[in-house]
Amino acid sequence: MLDALHEAGRDVPTDVAVIGFDNWEVLAAGARPPLSSVDINLEQLGRVAAKRLFAAIDGSLSSGTEVLPCRVVPRGSTTPLG
């Protein structure tokens, strides 16, 4: 998206703000401008999923929704760097 906007002559973030999802650091920080992103804490998500899977295999079934924290990581694609 950042490349397409640049090729179209649009300035990020002045004309268009862009935000990504999953906060893959290599991609987000290496983008030009650096990509703001929602960090869903994939490591914690994976740990919780594995615990639930192992518990289910052991016969301890559960249901429902589990809410895990996430955060927005602001970078240059949504706010001018100063």
Protein backbone atom coordinates (compact mmCIF):
# COMPACT_ATOMS: atom_id res chain seq x y z
CA MET A 1 0.00 0.00 0.00
CA LEU A 2 2.79 2.42 0.90
CA ASP A 3 4.46 1.85 -2.47
CA ALA A 4 1.19 2.29 -4.37
CA LEU A 5 0.43 5.55 -2.56
CA HIS A 6 3.95 6.81 -3.24
CA GLU A 7 3.62 5.94 -6.94
CA ALA A 8 0.27 7.76 -7.03
CA GLY A 9 1.97 10.89 -5.67
CA ARG A 10 0.26 10.72 -2.27
CA ASP A 11 2.18 11.54 0.89
CA VAL A 12 1.93 9.23 3.89
CA PRO A 13 0.87 10.33 6.49
CA THR A 14 0.00 13.87 5.32
CA ASP A 15 -2.50 12.80 2.63
CA VAL A 16 -3.31 9.27 3.82
CA ALA A 17 -2.57 7.51 7.11
CA VAL A 18 -1.79 3.78 6.88
CA ILE A 19 -1.81 1.20 9.68
CA GLY A 20 -0.88 -2.47 9.51
CA PHE A 21 -1.82 -5.48 11.60
CA ASP A 22 0.38 -7.91 13.58
CA ASN A 23 3.38 -5.60 14.06
CA TRP A 24 5.92 -7.79 12.30
CA GLU A 25 8.89 -5.66 13.37
CA VAL A 26 11.11 -6.40 10.34
CA LEU A 27 8.40 -5.29 7.92
CA ALA A 28 6.89 -2.45 9.95
CA ALA A 29 10.11 -0.74 11.00
CA GLY A 30 11.74 -1.26 7.59
CA ALA A 31 8.89 0.32 5.62
CA ARG A 32 9.20 3.90 4.33
CA PRO A 33 7.74 5.61 6.24
CA PRO A 34 7.83 3.13 9.15
CA LEU A 35 4.42 1.42 9.36
CA SER A 36 2.19 1.98 12.38
CA SER A 37 0.68 -1.33 13.40
CA VAL A 38 -1.67 -3.16 15.73
CA ASP A 39 0.38 -5.55 17.87
CA ILE A 40 -1.78 -8.52 18.86
CA ASN A 41 1.06 -10.11 20.85
CA LEU A 42 1.32 -13.27 18.77
CA GLU A 43 3.68 -14.96 21.26
CA GLN A 44 1.13 -14.74 24.06
CA LEU A 45 -1.66 -15.76 21.69
CA GLY A 46 0.32 -18.86 20.70
CA ARG A 47 1.03 -19.78 24.33
CA VAL A 48 -2.63 -19.48 25.29
CA ALA A 49 -3.72 -21.51 22.26
CA ALA A 50 -1.18 -24.25 23.05
CA LYS A 51 -2.29 -24.41 26.71
CA ARG A 52 -5.92 -24.74 25.67
CA LEU A 53 -5.04 -27.43 23.12
CA PHE A 54 -3.03 -29.48 25.63
CA ALA A 55 -5.79 -29.11 28.23
CA ALA A 56 -8.36 -30.33 25.68
CA ILE A 57 -6.16 -33.32 24.79
CA ASP A 58 -6.02 -34.13 28.53
CA GLY A 59 -9.84 -34.03 28.68
CA SER A 60 -10.31 -30.59 30.20
CA LEU A 61 -12.61 -28.96 27.68
CA SER A 62 -13.55 -25.31 27.92
CA SER A 63 -15.55 -22.97 25.80
CA GLY A 64 -16.01 -19.28 25.44
CA THR A 65 -13.97 -16.35 24.36
CA GLU A 66 -10.61 -15.39 25.75
CA VAL A 67 -9.66 -11.73 25.51
CA LEU A 68 -5.98 -10.93 25.23
CA PRO A 69 -4.43 -7.46 25.33
CA CYS A 70 -3.24 -5.72 22.20
CA ARG A 71 -1.76 -2.30 21.48
CA VAL A 72 -1.27 0.19 18.69
CA VAL A 73 2.37 0.91 17.84
CA PRO A 74 2.48 4.38 16.27
CA ARG A 75 5.14 4.99 13.63
CA GLY A 76 5.62 7.38 10.75
CA SER A 77 2.76 6.11 8.57
CA THR A 78 0.14 7.69 10.86
CA THR A 79 1.99 10.56 12.45
CA PRO A 80 4.67 12.86 11.12
CA LEU A 81 8.07 12.02 12.55
CA GLY A 82 9.56 14.96 14.32
